[in-house]
Amino acid sequence: MNWTDFAGWGRRIADWAADYHRTLRDRPVRAQVAPGEILDALPAAAPEIADEMERIFADFEKIVLPGMTHWQHPRFFAYFPANAAPVSMLAEQLVSAMAAQCMLWQTSPAATELETRMMDWLRQAVGLPESFTGVIQDSASSATLAAVLTMRERALNWQGNQAGLSGQPRLRVYSSNEVHTSIDRAIWISGIGQDNLVRIPVEGPRRAMNPDALRAAIEADLAAGHTPAGIIACTGGTGVGGSDDVAAVVAVARDHGLYVHLDAAWAGAAMIVPEFRDLWSGVDGVDSMVFNPHKWLGAQFDCSAHFVRDPEDLVRTLAIRPEFLKTHGHDGVVNYSEWSIPLGRRFRALKLWFLLRYHGLEDLRGRIRNHVAWSVTLAGRLRAEPDFAITSEPVLSLFTFRHAPAGVDDLDTLNQTLVDAINDDGRIYLTQTLLEGRKVIRFQVGQFDCTAADVDTAFDVITEIARRPPI
């Protein structure tokens, strides 16, 4: 493709994108296709002869688009959002056009220095003290893995990478069951092993780790000859928004010299709103934390904000410096590839710069405040409906509920059937989870362009489909 054709198709695709977003409410939120349907529509082998762009784009609309779940749909109430504000998309177009590999300061000084500044903007925005320094990771999973590797290395006196884990003391990491499964995966990949992830029971309306049980588990492991390595706390867990008492967890950790990582992947973005910060009170005492601007702030995926108290520990864990990666003649520069598991790095800071400048923090705060208020209102409306129960109270904009009409023995099947029927209907999209072994339905508000009317539609759809007679 020559650059004249590129420019023409770029304009056409931009027009298509604008129309796509303007008409999203007319589309079903979740893809309405059967498994294998898209695969069967694709040729079994790559073409030998070049095809015309017109035909390629036509097949995109005919084959690919029907198989897409529309994450930017204003009535996407499932999982957590993966927002992409328009200004963030424009920044990503510039990043794609330049196609830089920003692994070192010298491979694009602007990318490194803009990242440094953007992470400090975010640090200030969420109220973290100056003792924290940030780096942009691809996802919270990578940030958590980096944290687990760091706590492993500290616990082994920095010998894990060098000597391996064979013959080393048995390491133990502590969390509740409310944490995301990315924590389990980090434990696997780090070599610590699933059996050494110690689950601490939860208590209270926020389903927080019991600090006395945490302390007892650590002391029992010490008595058994094991080596406690660290604690992973959460703020706004994926299931029902479980949030640990961060200050209490930090107090236990300090008594035993343990590393604390806080996973606030979703809820951390809401900390730009000062009145919500009680949810992670004590965060200034953790060793690292992560939240995803690509969830609630509108930065296009992928963009994960990873903050650390001591970057030297992170760099000591992850950095490898062969001669070809050294920057000579420029002392004191930061090479963020030494702060990340991948060597390659995209220019993720640009979309944050565009986003924060274009919207400003006050606009973003207003959106989050609205989402929380609309979710609380919906929970109240469902609570007032016969045959509905609120099973976990709103944590920011996330709550769970259950359809529980009298005379039904198998409520788990009923609620799964309800979720499936709602998603097949297409007007909204929800997901289910388990709460104390029972199937419940999750609802969260967070899509960038969602309105109060969209949440009202959710109420109408939920109650309408719940009242339909069984087939």
Protein backbone atom coordinates (compact mmCIF):
# COMPACT_ATOMS: atom_id res chain seq x y z
CA MET A 1 0.00 0.00 0.00
CA ASN A 2 1.40 3.40 -0.94
CA TRP A 3 1.04 6.38 1.38
CA THR A 4 -1.62 8.05 -0.76
CA ASP A 5 -3.83 4.97 -0.46
CA PHE A 6 -2.96 4.74 3.23
CA ALA A 7 -4.22 8.28 3.81
CA GLY A 8 -7.45 7.56 1.93
CA TRP A 9 -8.15 4.39 3.84
CA GLY A 10 -7.18 6.09 7.09
CA ARG A 11 -9.90 8.70 6.51
CA ARG A 12 -12.41 6.02 5.56
CA ILE A 13 -11.66 3.93 8.65
CA ALA A 14 -11.86 7.00 10.89
CA ASP A 15 -15.32 7.77 9.44
CA TRP A 16 -16.31 4.13 9.96
CA ALA A 17 -15.11 4.27 13.59
CA ALA A 18 -17.09 7.42 14.33
CA ASP A 19 -20.24 5.89 12.83
CA TYR A 20 -19.63 2.64 14.71
CA HIS A 21 -19.54 4.45 18.04
CA ARG A 22 -22.53 6.65 17.22
CA THR A 23 -24.65 3.57 16.48
CA LEU A 24 -23.43 1.21 19.20
CA ARG A 25 -26.71 1.31 21.11
CA ASP A 26 -28.37 -0.23 18.06
CA ARG A 27 -26.14 -3.32 18.24
CA PRO A 28 -26.37 -6.28 20.62
CA VAL A 29 -23.69 -5.90 23.27
CA ARG A 30 -22.44 -9.49 23.20
CA ALA A 31 -21.61 -11.24 19.93
CA GLN A 32 -24.62 -13.27 18.78
CA VAL A 33 -22.77 -16.05 16.95
CA ALA A 34 -22.29 -19.76 17.53
CA PRO A 35 -18.87 -21.28 18.31
CA GLY A 36 -16.95 -21.98 15.09
CA GLU A 37 -19.12 -19.72 12.95
CA ILE A 38 -16.36 -17.18 12.28
CA LEU A 39 -13.73 -19.87 11.81
CA ASP A 40 -15.85 -21.63 9.20
CA ALA A 41 -16.20 -18.38 7.25
CA LEU A 42 -12.42 -17.99 6.90
CA PRO A 43 -10.31 -19.75 4.25
CA ALA A 44 -8.20 -22.59 5.58
CA ALA A 45 -4.94 -21.16 4.16
CA ALA A 46 -3.44 -17.74 3.43
CA PRO A 47 -3.90 -16.35 -0.10
CA GLU A 48 -1.05 -16.68 -2.58
CA ILE A 49 -2.13 -13.60 -4.54
CA ALA A 50 -2.72 -10.13 -3.09
CA ASP A 51 -6.30 -9.10 -2.49
CA GLU A 52 -7.94 -5.71 -2.92
CA MET A 53 -8.39 -3.55 0.17
CA GLU A 54 -12.02 -2.99 -0.77
CA ARG A 55 -12.70 -6.74 -0.55
CA ILE A 56 -10.72 -7.08 2.67
CA PHE A 57 -12.72 -4.32 4.34
CA ALA A 58 -16.00 -5.75 3.06
CA ASP A 59 -15.12 -9.10 4.63
CA PHE A 60 -14.21 -7.35 7.86
CA GLU A 61 -17.75 -5.97 8.04
CA LYS A 62 -19.36 -9.22 6.89
CA ILE A 63 -17.33 -11.82 8.81
CA VAL A 64 -15.49 -10.17 11.70
CA LEU A 65 -17.89 -7.52 12.97
CA PRO A 66 -20.78 -9.90 13.76
CA GLY A 67 -18.40 -11.92 15.94
CA MET A 68 -17.31 -8.99 18.08
CA THR A 69 -18.55 -8.29 21.59
CA HIS A 70 -18.76 -4.51 21.84
CA TRP A 71 -16.71 -3.50 24.86
CA GLN A 72 -17.32 0.19 24.15
CA HIS A 73 -21.09 -0.29 24.19
CA PRO A 74 -22.68 2.05 26.76
CA ARG A 75 -24.67 -0.88 28.17
CA PHE A 76 -21.64 -3.11 28.75
CA PHE A 77 -22.16 -3.95 32.43
CA ALA A 78 -20.12 -7.18 32.50
CA TYR A 79 -16.63 -7.87 33.88
CA PHE A 80 -14.97 -4.46 34.25
CA PRO A 81 -14.82 -1.83 31.50
CA ALA A 82 -11.99 -1.60 28.98
CA ASN A 83 -12.59 1.98 27.97
CA ALA A 84 -11.18 3.82 24.99
CA ALA A 85 -11.96 7.52 24.99
CA PRO A 86 -11.84 8.98 21.46
CA VAL A 87 -8.83 11.17 22.27
CA SER A 88 -7.00 8.08 23.50
CA MET A 89 -7.73 6.33 20.19
CA LEU A 90 -6.24 9.27 18.29
CA ALA A 91 -3.08 9.07 20.37
CA GLU A 92 -2.87 5.35 19.63
CA GLN A 93 -3.08 6.13 15.91
CA LEU A 94 0.00 8.31 16.28
CA VAL A 95 1.76 5.56 18.23
CA SER A 96 0.90 3.05 15.49
CA ALA A 97 2.09 5.42 12.77
CA MET A 98 5.48 5.99 14.43
CA ALA A 99 5.75 2.29 15.36
CA ALA A 100 8.60 2.86 17.80
CA GLN A 101 10.01 0.19 20.10
CA CYS A 102 10.48 2.19 23.29
CA MET A 103 12.51 -0.24 25.40
CA LEU A 104 15.33 2.18 26.29
CA TRP A 105 15.72 5.90 26.80
CA GLN A 106 17.86 6.12 23.66
CA THR A 107 15.35 4.22 21.52
CA SER A 108 12.89 7.11 22.05
CA PRO A 109 13.78 9.65 24.74
CA ALA A 110 10.35 11.30 24.52
CA ALA A 111 8.59 8.02 25.30
CA THR A 112 10.67 7.47 28.43
CA GLU A 113 10.45 11.01 29.75
CA LEU A 114 6.75 11.37 28.99
CA GLU A 115 6.15 8.09 30.87
CA THR A 116 8.04 9.45 33.87
CA ARG A 117 5.91 12.58 33.91
CA MET A 118 2.60 10.82 33.27
CA MET A 119 3.17 8.37 36.09
CA ASP A 120 3.84 11.25 38.44
CA TRP A 121 0.64 12.95 37.27
CA LEU A 122 -1.26 9.75 38.06
CA ARG A 123 0.50 9.36 41.40
CA GLN A 124 -0.66 12.81 42.43
CA ALA A 125 -4.14 12.26 41.00
CA VAL A 126 -4.84 9.20 43.17
CA GLY A 127 -3.22 10.69 46.27
CA LEU A 128 -0.12 8.52 46.58
CA PRO A 129 2.84 10.08 48.42
CA GLU A 130 6.05 11.16 46.69
CA SER A 131 7.79 8.02 47.95
CA PHE A 132 6.17 6.08 45.07
CA THR A 133 7.57 5.91 41.55
CA GLY A 134 5.61 4.55 38.60
CA VAL A 135 6.03 2.56 35.42
CA ILE A 136 3.46 1.67 32.75
CA GLN A 137 2.97 -2.08 32.32
CA ASP A 138 0.79 -3.81 29.74
CA SER A 139 -1.64 -5.20 32.32
CA ALA A 140 -2.15 -5.71 36.05
CA SER A 141 -1.19 -9.35 35.53
CA SER A 142 2.33 -8.31 34.51
CA ALA A 143 2.61 -5.82 37.37
CA THR A 144 1.52 -8.46 39.88
CA LEU A 145 3.97 -11.00 38.46
CA ALA A 146 6.76 -8.42 38.78
CA ALA A 147 5.72 -7.83 42.40
CA VAL A 148 5.68 -11.56 43.20
CA LEU A 149 9.11 -12.01 41.62
CA THR A 150 10.40 -9.09 43.68
CA MET A 151 9.03 -10.48 46.95
CA ARG A 152 10.50 -13.87 46.02
CA GLU A 153 13.94 -12.40 45.41
CA ARG A 154 13.90 -10.33 48.59
CA ALA A 155 12.87 -13.38 50.64
CA LEU A 156 15.69 -15.45 49.09
CA ASN A 157 18.31 -12.73 49.58
CA TRP A 158 18.37 -12.18 45.79
CA GLN A 159 19.43 -15.75 45.01
CA GLY A 160 16.34 -17.04 43.18
CA ASN A 161 17.28 -15.74 39.74
CA GLN A 162 20.87 -16.86 40.15
CA ALA A 163 20.63 -20.24 41.89
CA GLY A 164 17.05 -21.26 41.08
CA LEU A 165 14.45 -22.46 43.55
CA SER A 166 15.71 -26.01 44.02
CA GLY A 167 16.96 -26.47 47.57
CA GLN A 168 15.67 -23.07 48.68
CA PRO A 169 13.32 -22.64 51.65
CA ARG A 170 9.62 -23.10 50.96
CA LEU A 171 8.24 -19.63 50.25
CA ARG A 172 4.74 -18.58 51.33
CA VAL A 173 2.54 -15.80 49.97
CA TYR A 174 -0.73 -14.71 51.59
CA SER A 175 -4.00 -13.41 50.15
CA SER A 176 -7.73 -13.85 50.46
CA ASN A 177 -9.98 -15.65 47.99
CA GLU A 178 -11.22 -12.26 46.79
CA VAL A 179 -8.09 -11.57 44.72
CA HIS A 180 -8.05 -11.98 40.97
CA THR A 181 -6.81 -15.25 39.46
CA SER A 182 -3.87 -13.31 38.01
CA ILE A 183 -2.39 -13.68 41.49
CA ASP A 184 -2.59 -17.48 41.20
CA ARG A 185 -0.92 -17.29 37.80
CA ALA A 186 1.86 -15.11 39.15
CA ILE A 187 2.46 -17.66 41.91
CA TRP A 188 2.69 -20.42 39.26
CA ILE A 189 5.01 -18.55 36.93
CA SER A 190 7.28 -17.38 39.74
CA GLY A 191 7.89 -20.99 40.74
CA ILE A 192 6.47 -20.49 44.23
CA GLY A 193 3.62 -22.90 43.49
CA GLN A 194 -0.11 -22.92 44.13
CA ASP A 195 0.22 -24.91 47.37
CA ASN A 196 2.21 -22.03 48.84
CA LEU A 197 -0.47 -19.40 48.22
CA VAL A 198 -2.07 -19.28 51.67
CA ARG A 199 -5.69 -18.17 51.64
CA ILE A 200 -6.75 -16.00 54.55
CA PRO A 201 -10.44 -15.96 55.56
CA VAL A 202 -12.41 -12.74 55.06
CA GLU A 203 -14.75 -10.82 57.32
CA GLY A 204 -17.11 -7.87 57.29
CA PRO A 205 -19.14 -6.21 54.55
CA ARG A 206 -16.03 -5.46 52.50
CA ARG A 207 -14.87 -9.09 52.67
CA ALA A 208 -11.48 -8.04 53.98
CA MET A 209 -8.71 -10.39 55.09
CA ASN A 210 -8.94 -11.06 58.82
CA PRO A 211 -5.69 -9.54 60.14
CA ASP A 212 -5.57 -11.88 63.14
CA ALA A 213 -5.90 -14.89 60.85
CA LEU A 214 -3.20 -13.42 58.60
CA ARG A 215 -0.83 -13.01 61.53
CA ALA A 216 -1.57 -16.53 62.78
CA ALA A 217 -0.90 -18.02 59.32
CA ILE A 218 2.47 -16.26 59.07
CA GLU A 219 3.50 -17.37 62.56
CA ALA A 220 2.42 -20.95 61.87
CA ASP A 221 4.54 -21.00 58.70
CA LEU A 222 7.55 -19.63 60.56
CA ALA A 223 7.12 -22.32 63.20
CA ALA A 224 6.98 -24.95 60.44
CA GLY A 225 10.26 -23.73 58.96
CA HIS A 226 8.75 -22.02 55.93
CA THR A 227 9.76 -18.57 54.66
CA PRO A 228 6.98 -15.99 54.34
CA ALA A 229 7.69 -13.82 51.30
CA GLY A 230 4.84 -11.37 50.97
CA ILE A 231 1.17 -10.46 51.09
CA ILE A 232 -1.12 -9.56 48.18
CA ALA A 233 -4.00 -7.36 49.22
CA CYS A 234 -6.85 -6.15 47.03
CA THR A 235 -9.04 -3.11 46.67
CA GLY A 236 -12.15 -3.75 44.59
CA GLY A 237 -11.77 -7.46 43.87
CA THR A 238 -13.26 -8.71 40.62
CA GLY A 239 -15.94 -10.97 42.07
CA VAL A 240 -17.90 -8.70 44.40
CA GLY A 241 -15.49 -5.81 45.03
CA GLY A 242 -13.77 -7.35 48.05
CA SER A 243 -11.45 -4.81 49.67
CA ASP A 244 -8.87 -5.48 52.34
CA ASP A 245 -8.14 -3.23 55.28
CA VAL A 246 -4.85 -2.11 53.78
CA ALA A 247 -3.61 -0.41 56.94
CA ALA A 248 -4.21 -3.58 58.99
CA VAL A 249 -2.45 -5.74 56.40
CA VAL A 250 0.53 -3.37 56.33
CA ALA A 251 0.76 -3.45 60.12
CA VAL A 252 1.04 -7.25 60.10
CA ALA A 253 3.55 -7.14 57.25
CA ARG A 254 5.79 -4.65 59.05
CA ASP A 255 5.94 -6.86 62.13
CA HIS A 256 7.36 -9.66 59.97
CA GLY A 257 9.33 -7.69 57.37
CA LEU A 258 7.09 -8.80 54.49
CA TYR A 259 6.53 -7.19 51.09
CA VAL A 260 2.96 -5.99 50.42
CA HIS A 261 1.53 -5.64 46.91
CA LEU A 262 -1.92 -4.10 46.43
CA ASP A 263 -4.04 -5.11 43.44
CA ALA A 264 -6.43 -2.23 42.76
CA ALA A 265 -6.68 -2.94 39.04
CA TRP A 266 -10.24 -1.65 38.71
CA ALA A 267 -10.94 0.39 41.82
CA GLY A 268 -7.67 2.30 41.86
CA ALA A 269 -8.89 4.61 39.10
CA ALA A 270 -11.71 5.78 41.38
CA MET A 271 -9.13 7.10 43.82
CA ILE A 272 -8.89 10.24 41.70
CA VAL A 273 -12.10 11.05 43.62
CA PRO A 274 -10.95 12.02 47.14
CA GLU A 275 -14.11 10.89 48.92
CA PHE A 276 -13.59 7.30 47.73
CA ARG A 277 -10.06 6.93 49.12
CA ASP A 278 -11.24 5.43 52.41
CA LEU A 279 -11.53 2.20 50.41
CA TRP A 280 -7.75 1.86 50.38
CA SER A 281 -6.82 3.72 53.56
CA GLY A 282 -3.26 2.75 54.44
CA VAL A 283 -2.08 2.49 50.82
CA ASP A 284 0.89 4.72 51.63
CA GLY A 285 2.39 1.77 53.54
CA VAL A 286 2.43 -0.83 50.72
CA ASP A 287 5.55 -1.71 48.76
CA SER A 288 3.82 -1.72 45.37
CA MET A 289 0.39 -1.32 43.87
CA VAL A 290 -1.28 -1.42 40.48
CA PHE A 291 -4.34 0.03 38.82
CA ASN A 292 -5.46 0.09 35.20
CA PRO A 293 -6.20 3.43 33.51
CA HIS A 294 -7.47 1.27 30.63
CA LYS A 295 -10.38 0.14 32.79
CA TRP A 296 -12.15 3.18 34.19
CA LEU A 297 -10.20 6.26 33.10
CA GLY A 298 -10.59 5.91 29.35
CA ALA A 299 -7.04 5.06 28.30
CA GLN A 300 -7.21 2.54 25.48
CA PHE A 301 -6.00 -0.96 26.36
CA ASP A 302 -3.27 -1.68 27.27
CA CYS A 303 -2.15 0.72 29.99
CA SER A 304 -1.48 -0.40 33.56
CA ALA A 305 -0.06 1.92 36.24
CA HIS A 306 2.42 0.10 38.48
CA PHE A 307 3.78 2.05 41.45
CA VAL A 308 6.68 0.93 43.63
CA ARG A 309 8.21 2.32 46.79
CA ASP A 310 11.70 1.09 45.98
CA PRO A 311 12.36 0.85 42.23
CA GLU A 312 15.85 -0.51 42.91
CA ASP A 313 14.30 -3.75 44.19
CA LEU A 314 12.21 -4.07 41.03
CA VAL A 315 15.18 -3.33 38.76
CA ARG A 316 17.42 -5.71 40.71
CA THR A 317 14.81 -8.43 40.12
CA LEU A 318 14.19 -7.83 36.41
CA ALA A 319 17.11 -5.99 34.80
CA ILE A 320 19.56 -7.68 32.43
CA ARG A 321 22.13 -5.41 30.81
CA PRO A 322 23.96 -6.91 27.84
CA GLU A 323 26.29 -4.53 26.03
CA PHE A 324 23.88 -3.92 23.15
CA LEU A 325 21.25 -2.57 25.58
CA LYS A 326 23.54 -0.14 27.38
CA THR A 327 23.11 3.61 26.93
CA HIS A 328 26.62 5.08 26.86
CA GLY A 329 27.37 8.71 27.50
CA HIS A 330 24.12 9.54 29.29
CA ASP A 331 24.32 8.88 33.02
CA GLY A 332 21.18 8.70 35.11
CA VAL A 333 18.69 7.86 32.37
CA VAL A 334 15.82 5.47 33.06
CA ASN A 335 15.39 2.39 30.87
CA TYR A 336 11.89 1.17 31.63
CA SER A 337 12.53 -2.21 30.03
CA GLU A 338 14.45 -2.92 33.25
CA TRP A 339 11.22 -2.33 35.20
CA SER A 340 9.14 -4.71 33.07
CA ILE A 341 9.06 -8.40 32.23
CA PRO A 342 8.98 -7.87 28.42
CA LEU A 343 11.98 -6.18 26.83
CA GLY A 344 9.84 -4.57 24.13
CA ARG A 345 7.68 -1.61 25.12
CA ARG A 346 5.00 0.35 23.31
CA PHE A 347 4.67 4.13 23.65
CA ARG A 348 1.79 3.87 26.12
CA ALA A 349 2.36 7.22 27.83
CA LEU A 350 1.17 9.22 24.81
CA LYS A 351 -2.47 8.21 25.22
CA LEU A 352 -2.35 9.15 28.91
CA TRP A 353 -0.95 12.57 28.01
CA PHE A 354 -3.68 13.19 25.43
CA LEU A 355 -6.40 11.83 27.73
CA LEU A 356 -5.48 13.76 30.87
CA ARG A 357 -4.96 17.01 28.99
CA TYR A 358 -8.13 16.75 26.92
CA HIS A 359 -10.51 15.69 29.69
CA GLY A 360 -8.83 17.01 32.81
CA LEU A 361 -9.18 15.26 36.14
CA GLU A 362 -12.42 17.00 37.05
CA ASP A 363 -14.27 15.60 34.02
CA LEU A 364 -12.97 12.11 34.79
CA ARG A 365 -14.00 12.48 38.44
CA GLY A 366 -17.49 13.47 37.34
CA ARG A 367 -17.86 10.37 35.20
CA ILE A 368 -16.79 8.07 38.03
CA ARG A 369 -19.06 9.83 40.53
CA ASN A 370 -21.97 9.37 38.11
CA HIS A 371 -21.23 5.68 37.61
CA VAL A 372 -21.14 5.08 41.35
CA ALA A 373 -24.37 7.01 41.95
CA TRP A 374 -26.22 5.23 39.12
CA SER A 375 -25.11 1.82 40.39
CA VAL A 376 -26.27 2.60 43.93
CA THR A 377 -29.62 3.75 42.55
CA LEU A 378 -30.06 0.57 40.51
CA ALA A 379 -29.24 -1.59 43.54
CA GLY A 380 -31.94 0.24 45.46
CA ARG A 381 -34.50 -0.29 42.71
CA LEU A 382 -33.76 -4.01 42.47
CA ARG A 383 -33.87 -4.33 46.26
CA ALA A 384 -37.40 -2.96 46.20
CA GLU A 385 -38.53 -5.48 43.59
CA PRO A 386 -40.26 -8.68 44.73
CA ASP A 387 -38.18 -11.84 44.19
CA PHE A 388 -34.85 -9.97 44.01
CA ALA A 389 -32.18 -9.78 46.67
CA ILE A 390 -29.01 -7.69 46.81
CA THR A 391 -26.31 -10.21 47.71
CA SER A 392 -23.38 -7.78 48.04
CA GLU A 393 -23.74 -4.06 48.58
CA PRO A 394 -22.26 -1.63 46.07
CA VAL A 395 -18.50 -1.23 46.23
CA LEU A 396 -18.08 1.89 44.14
CA SER A 397 -20.11 0.94 41.03
CA LEU A 398 -20.13 -2.86 41.51
CA PHE A 399 -22.78 -4.92 43.29
CA THR A 400 -24.33 -8.37 42.99
CA PHE A 401 -27.91 -9.56 43.12
CA ARG A 402 -29.92 -12.75 42.90
CA HIS A 403 -33.32 -13.60 41.53
CA ALA A 404 -34.95 -15.65 44.28
CA PRO A 405 -38.66 -16.24 43.73
CA ALA A 406 -40.44 -18.43 46.26
CA GLY A 407 -40.86 -22.09 45.45
CA VAL A 408 -37.73 -22.48 43.32
CA ASP A 409 -35.35 -25.12 44.65
CA ASP A 410 -32.39 -24.61 42.31
CA LEU A 411 -31.68 -20.89 42.43
CA ASP A 412 -28.18 -21.32 40.98
CA THR A 413 -29.57 -22.72 37.75
CA LEU A 414 -32.32 -20.10 37.70
CA ASN A 415 -29.83 -17.25 37.98
CA GLN A 416 -27.48 -18.68 35.37
CA THR A 417 -30.46 -19.10 33.05
CA LEU A 418 -31.41 -15.49 33.71
CA VAL A 419 -27.89 -14.24 32.87
CA ASP A 420 -27.85 -16.27 29.67
CA ALA A 421 -31.27 -15.00 28.61
CA ILE A 422 -30.27 -11.39 29.29
CA ASN A 423 -27.10 -11.73 27.23
CA ASP A 424 -28.89 -13.51 24.40
CA ASP A 425 -31.40 -10.64 24.36
CA GLY A 426 -28.49 -8.32 23.52
CA ARG A 427 -29.65 -5.04 25.01
CA ILE A 428 -27.26 -5.29 27.98
CA TYR A 429 -24.38 -7.56 29.00
CA LEU A 430 -23.90 -9.05 32.49
CA THR A 431 -21.75 -11.75 34.07
CA GLN A 432 -22.20 -14.13 36.97
CA THR A 433 -19.94 -14.98 39.89
CA LEU A 434 -19.96 -17.14 43.01
CA LEU A 435 -20.49 -15.63 46.45
CA GLU A 436 -20.06 -18.07 49.33
CA GLY A 437 -20.79 -20.90 46.93
CA ARG A 438 -23.98 -19.41 45.50
CA LYS A 439 -24.46 -18.20 41.92
CA VAL A 440 -25.10 -14.46 41.87
CA ILE A 441 -25.25 -11.86 39.11
CA ARG A 442 -22.68 -9.06 38.86
CA PHE A 443 -23.52 -5.55 37.77
CA GLN A 444 -21.01 -2.72 37.33
CA VAL A 445 -21.21 0.65 35.67
CA GLY A 446 -18.04 1.94 34.06
CA GLN A 447 -18.29 2.38 30.30
CA PHE A 448 -17.05 5.83 29.30
CA ASP A 449 -20.22 6.93 27.47
CA CYS A 450 -22.79 5.27 29.72
CA THR A 451 -25.74 7.43 30.78
CA ALA A 452 -28.38 7.21 33.49
CA ALA A 453 -30.82 6.14 30.77
CA ASP A 454 -28.61 3.15 29.95
CA VAL A 455 -28.73 2.05 33.58
CA ASP A 456 -32.51 2.48 33.54
CA THR A 457 -32.58 0.21 30.50
CA ALA A 458 -30.66 -2.37 32.50
CA PHE A 459 -33.34 -2.35 35.18
CA ASP A 460 -36.06 -2.77 32.57
CA VAL A 461 -34.28 -5.65 30.84
CA ILE A 462 -33.45 -7.52 34.07
CA THR A 463 -36.94 -7.31 35.50
CA GLU A 464 -38.69 -7.97 32.19
CA ILE A 465 -36.72 -11.12 31.41
CA ALA A 466 -36.92 -12.36 34.99
CA ARG A 467 -40.73 -12.25 34.81
CA ARG A 468 -41.01 -14.19 31.60
CA PRO A 469 -42.61 -17.60 32.09
CA PRO A 470 -40.12 -20.48 31.92
CA ILE A 471 -39.91 -22.33 28.61
